[in-house]
Protein backbone atom coordinates (compact mmCIF):
# COMPACT_ATOMS: atom_id res chain seq x y z
CA UNK A 1 141.73 177.05 96.57
CA UNK A 2 140.18 176.52 99.94
CA UNK A 3 138.15 178.41 102.50
CA UNK A 4 140.65 180.86 104.06
CA UNK A 5 143.46 178.33 103.47
CA UNK A 6 145.64 177.20 100.61
CA UNK A 7 144.93 173.87 98.97
CA UNK A 8 147.81 172.45 96.93
CA UNK A 9 146.81 170.68 93.75
CA UNK A 10 149.11 168.56 91.59
CA UNK A 11 148.15 168.54 87.91
CA UNK A 12 149.97 166.20 85.54
CA UNK A 13 149.48 166.45 81.79
CA UNK A 14 149.26 163.27 79.73
CA UNK A 15 151.64 163.63 76.74
CA UNK A 16 150.08 163.71 73.25
CA UNK A 17 146.51 163.41 74.53
CA UNK A 18 146.15 167.03 75.63
CA UNK A 19 144.40 166.14 78.90
CA UNK A 20 145.45 165.98 82.55
CA UNK A 21 144.95 164.14 85.84
CA UNK A 22 144.96 165.89 89.21
CA UNK A 23 145.17 165.13 92.91
CA UNK A 24 144.97 167.07 96.15
CA UNK A 25 146.04 165.54 99.46
CA UNK A 26 145.95 166.29 103.18
CA UNK A 27 143.81 169.42 102.88
CA UNK A 28 141.95 170.19 106.10
CA UNK A 29 138.72 171.83 104.91
CA UNK A 30 136.48 171.18 101.94
CA UNK A 31 137.36 172.74 98.57
CA UNK A 32 135.62 175.74 97.10
CA UNK A 33 133.90 173.61 94.48
CA UNK A 34 133.28 176.40 91.99
CA UNK A 35 137.01 177.18 91.86
CA UNK A 36 137.86 173.48 91.70
CA UNK A 37 135.60 172.99 88.67
CA UNK A 38 137.10 176.06 87.00
CA UNK A 39 140.66 174.73 87.41
CA UNK A 40 139.60 171.29 86.18
CA UNK A 41 138.10 172.81 83.06
CA UNK A 42 141.11 175.04 82.34
CA UNK A 43 143.57 172.17 82.79
CA UNK A 44 141.36 169.67 80.92
CA UNK A 45 141.35 167.29 83.88
CA UNK A 46 139.73 163.94 83.08
CA UNK A 47 140.44 162.25 86.44
CA UNK A 48 140.94 163.71 89.90
CA UNK A 49 141.57 162.21 93.33
CA UNK A 50 140.94 163.99 96.62
CA UNK A 51 142.43 162.64 99.85
CA UNK A 52 141.28 164.86 102.73
CA UNK A 53 143.52 165.28 105.72
CA UNK A 54 142.47 166.87 108.96
CA UNK A 55 142.62 170.04 110.95
CA UNK A 56 145.76 169.46 113.04
CA UNK A 57 144.51 171.56 115.95
CA UNK A 58 141.42 169.36 116.17
CA UNK A 59 143.17 166.00 116.36
CA UNK A 60 145.93 167.28 118.61
CA UNK A 61 143.35 168.50 121.09
CA UNK A 62 141.64 165.12 120.88
CA UNK A 63 144.96 163.34 121.37
CA UNK A 64 145.57 165.11 124.67
CA UNK A 65 142.28 163.73 125.99
CA UNK A 66 142.52 160.26 124.50
CA UNK A 67 143.48 157.14 126.38
CA UNK A 68 146.68 155.69 124.82
CA UNK A 69 145.76 153.16 122.17
CA UNK A 70 142.47 154.81 121.22
CA UNK A 71 141.42 155.77 117.70
CA UNK A 72 140.64 159.28 116.48
CA UNK A 73 138.36 159.28 113.42
CA UNK A 74 138.76 162.37 111.26
CA UNK A 75 135.77 164.44 110.19
CA UNK A 76 135.88 167.58 108.09
CA UNK A 77 133.16 170.17 108.57
CA UNK A 78 129.69 169.00 107.56
CA UNK A 79 128.76 165.63 106.15
CA UNK A 80 131.81 164.66 104.08
CA UNK A 81 130.13 161.76 102.31
CA UNK A 82 127.16 163.79 101.15
CA UNK A 83 129.34 166.73 100.18
CA UNK A 84 131.62 164.57 98.05
CA UNK A 85 128.78 162.66 96.37
CA UNK A 86 126.94 165.89 95.64
CA UNK A 87 129.99 166.98 93.63
CA UNK A 88 130.44 163.68 91.79
CA UNK A 89 133.08 162.02 93.99
CA UNK A 90 132.94 158.48 95.37
CA UNK A 91 135.19 156.49 97.68
CA UNK A 92 137.96 154.84 95.70
CA UNK A 93 138.94 151.22 96.33
CA UNK A 94 142.57 152.35 96.62
CA UNK A 95 144.45 155.09 98.48
CA UNK A 96 147.58 156.89 97.32
CA UNK A 97 148.87 157.92 100.75
CA UNK A 98 148.45 156.30 104.20
CA UNK A 99 144.84 156.51 105.36
CA UNK A 100 145.59 155.58 108.96
CA UNK A 101 148.49 156.59 111.21
CA UNK A 102 149.61 156.56 114.83
CA UNK A 103 150.46 159.78 116.65
CA UNK A 104 152.21 160.45 119.95
CA UNK A 105 152.03 163.49 122.22
CA UNK A 106 155.62 164.78 122.55
CA UNK A 107 154.63 167.42 125.10
CA UNK A 108 154.69 164.62 127.66
CA UNK A 109 157.83 164.05 129.73
CA UNK A 110 160.19 161.24 128.76
CA UNK A 111 159.05 159.19 131.76
CA UNK A 112 155.40 159.62 130.69
CA UNK A 113 156.24 158.55 127.14
CA UNK A 114 158.02 155.48 128.47
CA UNK A 115 155.00 154.58 130.59
CA UNK A 116 152.77 154.73 127.49
CA UNK A 117 154.92 152.13 125.68
CA UNK A 118 154.28 148.43 126.09
CA UNK A 119 156.53 146.34 128.33
CA UNK A 120 158.36 144.74 125.41
CA UNK A 121 159.43 148.11 124.01
CA UNK A 122 160.67 149.34 127.39
CA UNK A 123 162.54 146.06 127.83
CA UNK A 124 164.29 146.51 124.48
CA UNK A 125 165.28 150.08 125.37
CA UNK A 126 166.89 148.83 128.58
CA UNK A 127 168.68 145.97 126.76
CA UNK A 128 170.10 147.98 123.85
CA UNK A 129 173.49 149.07 125.19
CA UNK A 130 175.91 148.24 122.36
CA UNK A 131 174.09 150.18 119.64
CA UNK A 132 174.96 153.88 119.35
CA UNK A 133 172.73 156.40 117.59
CA UNK A 134 173.61 159.72 116.00
CA UNK A 135 172.49 162.21 113.40
CA UNK A 136 174.01 161.26 110.04
CA UNK A 137 176.17 164.05 108.61
CA UNK A 138 176.23 165.03 104.95
CA UNK A 139 179.75 163.58 104.68
CA UNK A 140 178.62 160.19 105.97
CA UNK A 141 175.36 160.06 104.05
CA UNK A 142 176.76 157.97 101.18
CA UNK A 143 178.22 155.24 103.42
CA UNK A 144 174.95 155.12 105.41
CA UNK A 145 172.91 154.95 102.20
CA UNK A 146 175.11 152.18 100.71
CA UNK A 147 174.56 150.02 103.79
CA UNK A 148 170.83 150.75 103.56
CA UNK A 149 170.86 149.57 99.91
CA UNK A 150 171.96 146.11 101.08
CA UNK A 151 168.83 145.71 103.23
CA UNK A 152 166.25 147.64 101.23
CA UNK A 153 162.64 146.50 101.15
CA UNK A 154 159.86 148.25 99.26
CA UNK A 155 160.44 151.92 98.41
CA UNK A 156 164.11 152.90 98.49
CA UNK A 157 165.24 156.48 97.76
CA UNK A 158 168.26 157.18 95.58
CA UNK A 159 171.27 158.96 97.02
CA UNK A 160 170.63 162.09 94.95
CA UNK A 161 167.00 162.05 96.07
CA UNK A 162 168.08 162.18 99.71
CA UNK A 163 170.52 164.99 98.95
CA UNK A 164 167.81 167.03 97.23
CA UNK A 165 165.50 166.28 100.14
CA UNK A 166 168.05 167.80 102.50
CA UNK A 167 168.59 170.81 100.24
CA UNK A 168 164.84 171.46 100.12
CA UNK A 169 164.00 170.89 103.79
CA UNK A 170 167.27 172.01 105.39
CA UNK A 171 167.26 171.52 109.17
CA UNK A 172 163.72 170.14 108.97
CA UNK A 173 165.10 166.96 107.37
CA UNK A 174 166.99 164.69 109.75
CA UNK A 175 168.76 161.40 109.03
CA UNK A 176 169.31 159.30 112.15
CA UNK A 177 171.74 156.39 112.08
CA UNK A 178 172.59 153.46 114.35
CA UNK A 179 176.06 151.93 114.63
CA UNK A 180 177.23 148.65 116.07
CA UNK A 181 181.00 148.15 116.29
CA UNK A 182 181.40 151.24 114.09
CA UNK A 183 179.20 149.77 111.32
CA UNK A 184 175.86 151.20 110.20
CA UNK A 185 173.03 148.84 111.18
CA UNK A 186 169.96 151.04 110.85
CA UNK A 187 168.51 154.42 110.07
CA UNK A 188 165.48 156.68 110.11
CA UNK A 189 164.56 159.51 107.75
CA UNK A 190 162.59 162.09 109.70
CA UNK A 191 161.22 165.45 108.64
CA UNK A 192 159.44 168.10 110.65
CA UNK A 193 156.66 170.57 109.97
CA UNK A 194 155.98 173.53 112.23
CA UNK A 195 155.30 171.32 115.27
CA UNK A 196 155.15 167.71 114.04
CA UNK A 197 157.94 165.19 113.47
CA UNK A 198 157.20 162.59 110.80
CA UNK A 199 158.77 159.10 110.83
CA UNK A 200 159.10 158.93 107.06
CA UNK A 201 161.38 155.97 106.24
CA UNK A 202 163.31 153.43 108.30
CA UNK A 203 165.64 150.50 107.80
CA UNK A 204 167.75 148.05 109.78
CA UNK A 205 170.15 145.24 108.93
CA UNK A 206 169.83 141.69 110.27
CA UNK A 207 172.44 142.50 112.89
CA UNK A 208 170.60 145.68 113.74
CA UNK A 209 167.31 143.81 114.24
CA UNK A 210 168.98 141.21 116.47
CA UNK A 211 170.37 144.00 118.65
CA UNK A 212 167.24 146.18 118.81
CA UNK A 213 168.68 149.04 116.75
CA UNK A 214 165.27 150.22 115.54
CA UNK A 215 164.00 150.60 119.10
CA UNK A 216 166.90 152.78 120.13
CA UNK A 217 166.75 154.71 116.85
CA UNK A 218 163.05 155.48 117.23
CA UNK A 219 163.45 156.59 120.83
CA UNK A 220 166.48 158.73 119.97
CA UNK A 221 164.56 160.30 117.09
CA UNK A 222 161.60 161.11 119.34
CA UNK A 223 163.89 162.81 121.84
CA UNK A 224 165.60 164.69 119.01
CA UNK A 225 162.18 165.87 117.80
CA UNK A 226 161.31 167.11 121.29
CA UNK A 227 164.53 169.16 121.36
CA UNK A 228 163.60 170.61 117.97
CA UNK A 229 160.37 171.90 119.52
CA UNK A 230 157.96 169.37 118.02
CA UNK A 231 154.83 168.65 120.05
CA UNK A 232 153.62 165.63 118.04
CA UNK A 233 155.20 162.50 116.57
CA UNK A 234 153.54 161.02 113.47
CA UNK A 235 154.43 157.43 112.54
CA UNK A 236 153.24 158.15 108.95
CA UNK A 237 151.16 155.16 108.10
CA UNK A 238 149.92 151.90 109.59
CA UNK A 239 147.73 149.13 108.19
CA UNK A 240 144.12 150.23 107.70
CA UNK A 241 141.43 147.51 107.87
CA UNK A 242 139.39 149.50 105.35
CA UNK A 243 142.17 149.18 102.76
CA UNK A 244 144.31 146.34 104.19
CA UNK A 245 147.91 145.77 103.14
CA UNK A 246 149.30 142.49 104.39
CA UNK A 247 152.90 143.68 104.01
CA UNK A 248 152.21 146.53 106.49
CA UNK A 249 151.16 144.32 109.40
CA UNK A 250 154.64 143.85 110.84
CA UNK A 251 155.73 147.47 111.07
CA UNK A 252 152.21 148.51 112.09
CA UNK A 253 152.53 146.29 115.16
CA UNK A 254 155.96 147.82 115.89
CA UNK A 255 154.44 151.33 115.80
CA UNK A 256 151.50 150.29 118.00
CA UNK A 257 153.90 149.33 120.80
CA UNK A 258 154.92 152.96 121.33
CA UNK A 259 151.54 154.09 122.67
CA UNK A 260 149.75 157.20 121.47
CA UNK A 261 146.54 157.02 119.45
CA UNK A 262 145.52 156.05 115.94
CA UNK A 263 144.09 158.53 113.45
CA UNK A 264 141.83 157.50 110.58
CA UNK A 265 141.75 159.67 107.46
CA UNK A 266 138.62 159.76 105.26
CA UNK A 267 140.35 157.87 102.43
CA UNK A 268 140.48 158.67 98.72
CA UNK A 269 137.59 160.16 96.74
CA UNK A 270 137.85 160.11 92.96
CA UNK A 271 135.94 161.25 89.91
CA UNK A 272 136.13 160.82 86.16
CA UNK A 273 135.04 163.95 84.31
């Protein structure tokens, strides 16, 4: 339901009431409004949220020409604000998915990527010698997940959820683990699209943090993504001053240290019918 492209829409019915709510996320061109209104009427949608994404080719081209640390604002064709308001949508005070992220150009050589990092990150990568990283096998997933459960913060996926995730994505889903003295001390859940690797979830134990496990894990995951043919690394969410989250400040600073550029999404637009 999009100009020359497919727009995925999630519609959820509200039991007993006979009405629905809907959302569409990360689409990269404006909807065909006539079709959107038709679907909303057929599904009896009373609330909808639209979270535009971006045309990947556009921001990747911009990334190549951007000084590390810069910000790439995202604009869909035409005046987005006027287009949304004309169709009854206004900026929501909340967002459902990250509205700002940090991306890194993986077409660069490893030495170039290292030069883009800050000194502290390069120092950690030189210091981390005891921690070993590897791709977590299906057989070892449960032991890795159990150790993760001891250090969980915020969203934590169930074991079956991770298994289904692997079944659905296959080789595009990668679990990276860090060991210290043969004990799991950290991990990263990464998935890939056609040419982008996404840093989806991460964890580390106290011992892992003391020994810089997350630095080595992230670097190992980036190199793994390069071998898989990915040209871009997406850190999947950092703190956005427009919709600030205090709890995101720490890991947002960690992601900033790796260089690259920041991308701002347009945010969430919602409407009550």
